[in-house]
Amino acid sequence: MNRYVIYRCPEGCDCHQKLKEHELIGATVAETLEEALPEIYEQVRLDILTFQPEEYSQGVVDFELFEEEEHSRKYQYSFEAIFTPEDIMYAGSNGFVYALQEIPVEL
């Protein structure tokens, strides 16, 4: 089993910054990253919605997992999440980069 800890990266982050510079979002436990992704994505979606005015909180979150080493040196994985509201004419998109730390858990 692995624990996947989710952090929101600070603006302009290259994932070489110290952990204290990142915002802890949540965590989940699963055998593999693939099994953990639905829960990770849900926690990230809820995090992004905290930055949206309530009247524009309906929309779609798109995720792009970075697989290149340059994006994931300090943490095993990182990805970008972009929220696009349904009413795009009146509210802009919000996007953030998140980092995942994979920690083996012994049961």
N, C-alpha and C. Protein backbone atom coordinates (compact mmCIF):
# COMPACT_ATOMS: atom_id res chain seq x y z
N MET A 1 0.85 -1.19 0.00
CA MET A 1 0.00 0.00 0.00
C MET A 1 0.89 1.24 0.00
N ASN A 2 0.33 2.30 -0.57
CA ASN A 2 1.03 3.58 -0.61
C ASN A 2 0.10 4.69 -0.15
N ARG A 3 0.68 5.68 0.48
CA ARG A 3 -0.06 6.90 0.83
C ARG A 3 0.36 7.94 -0.21
N TYR A 4 -0.64 8.59 -0.80
CA TYR A 4 -0.39 9.64 -1.78
C TYR A 4 -0.81 10.96 -1.14
N VAL A 5 0.18 11.82 -0.89
CA VAL A 5 -0.06 13.11 -0.25
C VAL A 5 -0.10 14.17 -1.34
N ILE A 6 -1.13 15.00 -1.30
CA ILE A 6 -1.40 15.98 -2.35
C ILE A 6 -1.05 17.37 -1.86
N TYR A 7 -0.27 18.10 -2.65
CA TYR A 7 0.12 19.48 -2.33
C TYR A 7 -0.21 20.39 -3.51
N ARG A 8 -0.68 21.59 -3.21
CA ARG A 8 -0.82 22.61 -4.25
C ARG A 8 0.49 23.38 -4.29
N CYS A 9 1.05 23.49 -5.48
CA CYS A 9 2.32 24.18 -5.65
C CYS A 9 2.12 25.69 -5.61
N PRO A 10 3.08 26.43 -5.08
CA PRO A 10 3.00 27.89 -5.13
C PRO A 10 3.17 28.37 -6.57
N GLU A 11 2.70 29.57 -6.84
CA GLU A 11 2.81 30.12 -8.19
C GLU A 11 4.27 30.16 -8.63
N GLY A 12 4.51 29.73 -9.85
CA GLY A 12 5.86 29.73 -10.40
C GLY A 12 6.73 28.60 -9.89
N CYS A 13 6.14 27.61 -9.25
CA CYS A 13 6.90 26.51 -8.66
C CYS A 13 7.49 25.61 -9.74
N ASP A 14 8.70 25.16 -9.50
CA ASP A 14 9.31 24.16 -10.38
C ASP A 14 9.50 22.84 -9.62
N CYS A 15 8.82 22.70 -8.51
CA CYS A 15 8.86 21.51 -7.64
C CYS A 15 10.26 21.23 -7.11
N HIS A 16 11.06 22.28 -6.98
CA HIS A 16 12.34 22.17 -6.30
C HIS A 16 12.27 22.95 -4.98
N GLN A 17 11.14 23.62 -4.75
CA GLN A 17 11.01 24.41 -3.55
C GLN A 17 10.76 23.49 -2.36
N LYS A 18 11.03 24.01 -1.19
CA LYS A 18 10.86 23.22 0.02
C LYS A 18 9.39 22.91 0.24
N LEU A 19 9.16 21.80 0.92
CA LEU A 19 7.81 21.35 1.18
C LEU A 19 6.98 22.41 1.88
N LYS A 20 7.58 23.18 2.78
CA LYS A 20 6.82 24.19 3.52
C LYS A 20 6.27 25.28 2.61
N GLU A 21 6.80 25.39 1.39
CA GLU A 21 6.28 26.37 0.43
C GLU A 21 5.01 25.88 -0.25
N HIS A 22 4.68 24.60 -0.11
CA HIS A 22 3.51 24.01 -0.75
C HIS A 22 2.34 23.95 0.23
N GLU A 23 1.14 23.96 -0.30
CA GLU A 23 -0.08 23.89 0.51
C GLU A 23 -0.57 22.45 0.55
N LEU A 24 -0.64 21.86 1.74
CA LEU A 24 -1.15 20.50 1.88
C LEU A 24 -2.64 20.49 1.56
N ILE A 25 -3.06 19.62 0.65
CA ILE A 25 -4.46 19.54 0.23
C ILE A 25 -5.15 18.34 0.84
N GLY A 26 -4.48 17.20 0.85
CA GLY A 26 -5.09 15.99 1.38
C GLY A 26 -4.22 14.79 1.11
N ALA A 27 -4.80 13.61 1.33
CA ALA A 27 -4.06 12.37 1.11
C ALA A 27 -5.05 11.24 0.89
N THR A 28 -4.56 10.18 0.30
CA THR A 28 -5.35 8.97 0.12
C THR A 28 -4.41 7.78 0.15
N VAL A 29 -4.97 6.60 0.38
CA VAL A 29 -4.18 5.37 0.44
C VAL A 29 -4.70 4.42 -0.63
N ALA A 30 -3.77 3.82 -1.38
CA ALA A 30 -4.14 2.85 -2.42
C ALA A 30 -2.92 2.01 -2.77
N GLU A 31 -3.15 0.92 -3.48
CA GLU A 31 -2.06 0.06 -3.94
C GLU A 31 -1.21 0.77 -4.99
N THR A 32 -1.88 1.42 -5.95
CA THR A 32 -1.17 2.04 -7.07
C THR A 32 -1.69 3.45 -7.29
N LEU A 33 -0.93 4.22 -8.03
CA LEU A 33 -1.36 5.57 -8.38
C LEU A 33 -2.66 5.53 -9.17
N GLU A 34 -2.79 4.57 -10.08
CA GLU A 34 -4.00 4.47 -10.89
C GLU A 34 -5.23 4.28 -10.01
N GLU A 35 -5.11 3.48 -8.96
CA GLU A 35 -6.23 3.27 -8.03
C GLU A 35 -6.52 4.53 -7.22
N ALA A 36 -5.50 5.32 -6.94
CA ALA A 36 -5.66 6.52 -6.11
C ALA A 36 -6.18 7.72 -6.89
N LEU A 37 -6.00 7.74 -8.22
CA LEU A 37 -6.32 8.93 -9.00
C LEU A 37 -7.75 9.45 -8.84
N PRO A 38 -8.80 8.61 -8.84
CA PRO A 38 -10.15 9.18 -8.67
C PRO A 38 -10.30 10.00 -7.38
N GLU A 39 -9.77 9.48 -6.27
CA GLU A 39 -9.85 10.22 -4.99
C GLU A 39 -8.98 11.47 -5.02
N ILE A 40 -7.79 11.36 -5.60
CA ILE A 40 -6.90 12.52 -5.72
C ILE A 40 -7.58 13.61 -6.54
N TYR A 41 -8.15 13.24 -7.68
CA TYR A 41 -8.81 14.21 -8.54
C TYR A 41 -10.00 14.87 -7.85
N GLU A 42 -10.75 14.10 -7.06
CA GLU A 42 -11.89 14.68 -6.34
C GLU A 42 -11.41 15.69 -5.29
N GLN A 43 -10.35 15.37 -4.56
CA GLN A 43 -9.83 16.32 -3.57
C GLN A 43 -9.31 17.59 -4.24
N VAL A 44 -8.66 17.43 -5.38
CA VAL A 44 -8.16 18.59 -6.12
C VAL A 44 -9.32 19.43 -6.66
N ARG A 45 -10.35 18.77 -7.18
CA ARG A 45 -11.52 19.49 -7.69
C ARG A 45 -12.14 20.35 -6.58
N LEU A 46 -12.28 19.78 -5.40
CA LEU A 46 -12.84 20.54 -4.28
C LEU A 46 -11.93 21.69 -3.88
N ASP A 47 -10.62 21.49 -3.96
CA ASP A 47 -9.68 22.57 -3.66
C ASP A 47 -9.83 23.71 -4.66
N ILE A 48 -9.90 23.40 -5.93
CA ILE A 48 -10.04 24.44 -6.96
C ILE A 48 -11.33 25.22 -6.78
N LEU A 49 -12.41 24.54 -6.39
CA LEU A 49 -13.69 25.22 -6.23
C LEU A 49 -13.67 26.25 -5.11
N THR A 50 -12.73 26.13 -4.17
CA THR A 50 -12.65 27.14 -3.11
C THR A 50 -12.21 28.49 -3.66
N PHE A 51 -11.65 28.50 -4.87
CA PHE A 51 -11.21 29.75 -5.50
C PHE A 51 -12.25 30.32 -6.45
N GLN A 52 -13.37 29.62 -6.65
CA GLN A 52 -14.41 30.05 -7.58
C GLN A 52 -15.56 30.69 -6.81
N PRO A 53 -16.10 31.80 -7.30
CA PRO A 53 -17.34 32.31 -6.71
C PRO A 53 -18.44 31.25 -6.85
N GLU A 54 -19.31 31.15 -5.87
CA GLU A 54 -20.33 30.09 -5.87
C GLU A 54 -21.17 30.08 -7.14
N GLU A 55 -21.49 31.25 -7.66
CA GLU A 55 -22.34 31.28 -8.85
C GLU A 55 -21.65 30.74 -10.10
N TYR A 56 -20.34 30.57 -10.04
CA TYR A 56 -19.59 30.01 -11.18
C TYR A 56 -18.90 28.70 -10.81
N SER A 57 -19.46 27.97 -9.85
CA SER A 57 -18.80 26.76 -9.37
C SER A 57 -19.17 25.50 -10.15
N GLN A 58 -20.01 25.63 -11.16
CA GLN A 58 -20.34 24.49 -12.02
C GLN A 58 -19.41 24.50 -13.22
N GLY A 59 -18.83 23.37 -13.52
CA GLY A 59 -17.93 23.31 -14.66
C GLY A 59 -17.16 22.01 -14.71
N VAL A 60 -16.08 22.03 -15.44
CA VAL A 60 -15.29 20.82 -15.69
C VAL A 60 -13.85 21.05 -15.24
N VAL A 61 -13.26 20.04 -14.63
CA VAL A 61 -11.85 20.09 -14.26
C VAL A 61 -11.10 19.12 -15.18
N ASP A 62 -10.09 19.63 -15.86
CA ASP A 62 -9.24 18.81 -16.71
C ASP A 62 -7.90 18.62 -16.02
N PHE A 63 -7.35 17.42 -16.13
CA PHE A 63 -6.10 17.08 -15.47
C PHE A 63 -5.07 16.66 -16.51
N GLU A 64 -3.83 17.10 -16.29
CA GLU A 64 -2.72 16.66 -17.13
C GLU A 64 -1.58 16.24 -16.22
N LEU A 65 -1.30 14.94 -16.20
CA LEU A 65 -0.21 14.40 -15.39
C LEU A 65 1.10 14.66 -16.10
N PHE A 66 2.05 15.28 -15.40
CA PHE A 66 3.37 15.53 -15.98
C PHE A 66 4.22 14.28 -15.78
N GLU A 67 4.74 13.74 -16.84
CA GLU A 67 5.55 12.54 -16.72
C GLU A 67 7.03 12.82 -16.96
N GLU A 68 7.34 14.02 -17.45
CA GLU A 68 8.75 14.36 -17.67
C GLU A 68 9.43 14.57 -16.33
N GLU A 69 10.66 14.17 -16.25
CA GLU A 69 11.42 14.27 -15.00
C GLU A 69 11.53 15.71 -14.52
N GLU A 70 11.62 16.67 -15.43
CA GLU A 70 11.83 18.06 -15.02
C GLU A 70 10.70 18.60 -14.16
N HIS A 71 9.50 18.05 -14.27
CA HIS A 71 8.37 18.52 -13.48
C HIS A 71 8.23 17.78 -12.16
N SER A 72 8.90 16.67 -12.00
CA SER A 72 8.63 15.81 -10.85
C SER A 72 9.88 15.37 -10.12
N ARG A 73 10.84 16.23 -9.99
CA ARG A 73 12.10 15.82 -9.35
C ARG A 73 11.97 15.68 -7.84
N LYS A 74 11.37 16.66 -7.18
CA LYS A 74 11.27 16.61 -5.72
C LYS A 74 10.17 15.64 -5.29
N TYR A 75 9.10 15.62 -6.04
CA TYR A 75 7.97 14.74 -5.75
C TYR A 75 7.89 13.72 -6.87
N GLN A 76 7.33 12.56 -6.58
CA GLN A 76 7.28 11.52 -7.59
C GLN A 76 6.43 11.91 -8.79
N TYR A 77 5.36 12.66 -8.55
CA TYR A 77 4.43 13.01 -9.62
C TYR A 77 3.99 14.46 -9.45
N SER A 78 3.66 15.08 -10.55
CA SER A 78 3.00 16.38 -10.48
C SER A 78 2.05 16.48 -11.66
N PHE A 79 1.04 17.34 -11.52
CA PHE A 79 0.06 17.48 -12.58
C PHE A 79 -0.58 18.86 -12.51
N GLU A 80 -1.18 19.25 -13.61
CA GLU A 80 -1.90 20.52 -13.67
C GLU A 80 -3.39 20.22 -13.70
N ALA A 81 -4.15 21.00 -12.96
CA ALA A 81 -5.61 20.89 -12.96
C ALA A 81 -6.18 22.24 -13.35
N ILE A 82 -7.05 22.24 -14.35
CA ILE A 82 -7.65 23.48 -14.84
C ILE A 82 -9.16 23.36 -14.75
N PHE A 83 -9.78 24.31 -14.06
CA PHE A 83 -11.24 24.36 -13.93
C PHE A 83 -11.79 25.33 -14.96
N THR A 84 -12.72 24.86 -15.78
CA THR A 84 -13.39 25.71 -16.76
C THR A 84 -14.86 25.78 -16.38
N PRO A 85 -15.35 26.95 -15.98
CA PRO A 85 -16.75 27.07 -15.57
C PRO A 85 -17.69 26.91 -16.76
N GLU A 86 -18.92 26.46 -16.47
CA GLU A 86 -19.93 26.33 -17.52
C GLU A 86 -20.20 27.67 -18.19
N ASP A 87 -20.25 28.72 -17.40
CA ASP A 87 -20.55 30.06 -17.93
C ASP A 87 -19.23 30.80 -18.16
N ILE A 88 -18.51 30.39 -19.16
CA ILE A 88 -17.17 30.93 -19.44
C ILE A 88 -17.20 32.41 -19.82
N MET A 89 -18.35 32.91 -20.24
CA MET A 89 -18.45 34.33 -20.63
C MET A 89 -18.27 35.26 -19.44
N TYR A 90 -18.61 34.79 -18.24
CA TYR A 90 -18.59 35.66 -17.07
C TYR A 90 -17.55 35.27 -16.02
N ALA A 91 -16.91 34.14 -16.21
CA ALA A 91 -15.91 33.69 -15.24
C ALA A 91 -14.77 33.01 -15.97
N GLY A 92 -13.58 33.36 -15.60
CA GLY A 92 -12.41 32.77 -16.24
C GLY A 92 -12.06 31.41 -15.67
N SER A 93 -11.16 30.74 -16.33
CA SER A 93 -10.67 29.45 -15.86
C SER A 93 -9.67 29.66 -14.73
N ASN A 94 -9.58 28.68 -13.86
CA ASN A 94 -8.59 28.66 -12.79
C ASN A 94 -7.73 27.43 -12.98
N GLY A 95 -6.44 27.57 -12.83
CA GLY A 95 -5.56 26.42 -12.96
C GLY A 95 -4.46 26.45 -11.92
N PHE A 96 -4.10 25.28 -11.44
CA PHE A 96 -3.04 25.15 -10.46
C PHE A 96 -2.21 23.91 -10.77
N VAL A 97 -0.98 23.91 -10.31
CA VAL A 97 -0.13 22.73 -10.41
C VAL A 97 -0.11 22.08 -9.03
N TYR A 98 -0.22 20.77 -9.03
CA TYR A 98 -0.23 19.99 -7.80
C TYR A 98 0.92 18.99 -7.83
N ALA A 99 1.44 18.67 -6.66
CA ALA A 99 2.50 17.67 -6.54
C ALA A 99 1.99 16.52 -5.67
N LEU A 100 2.41 15.33 -6.01
CA LEU A 100 2.05 14.13 -5.25
C LEU A 100 3.31 13.51 -4.67
N GLN A 101 3.23 13.16 -3.42
CA GLN A 101 4.33 12.45 -2.78
C GLN A 101 3.82 11.04 -2.48
N GLU A 102 4.52 10.04 -2.97
CA GLU A 102 4.15 8.64 -2.75
C GLU A 102 4.98 8.09 -1.60
N ILE A 103 4.30 7.62 -0.55
CA ILE A 103 4.98 7.11 0.64
C ILE A 103 4.52 5.67 0.88
N PRO A 104 5.43 4.70 0.83
CA PRO A 104 5.04 3.31 1.12
C PRO A 104 4.51 3.18 2.55
N VAL A 105 3.45 2.40 2.71
CA VAL A 105 2.84 2.18 4.02
C VAL A 105 2.87 0.69 4.32
N GLU A 106 3.41 0.34 5.48
CA GLU A 106 3.41 -1.06 5.90
C GLU A 106 2.21 -1.29 6.80
N LEU A 107 1.46 -2.33 6.49
CA LEU A 107 0.28 -2.64 7.29
C LEU A 107 0.57 -3.69 8.31
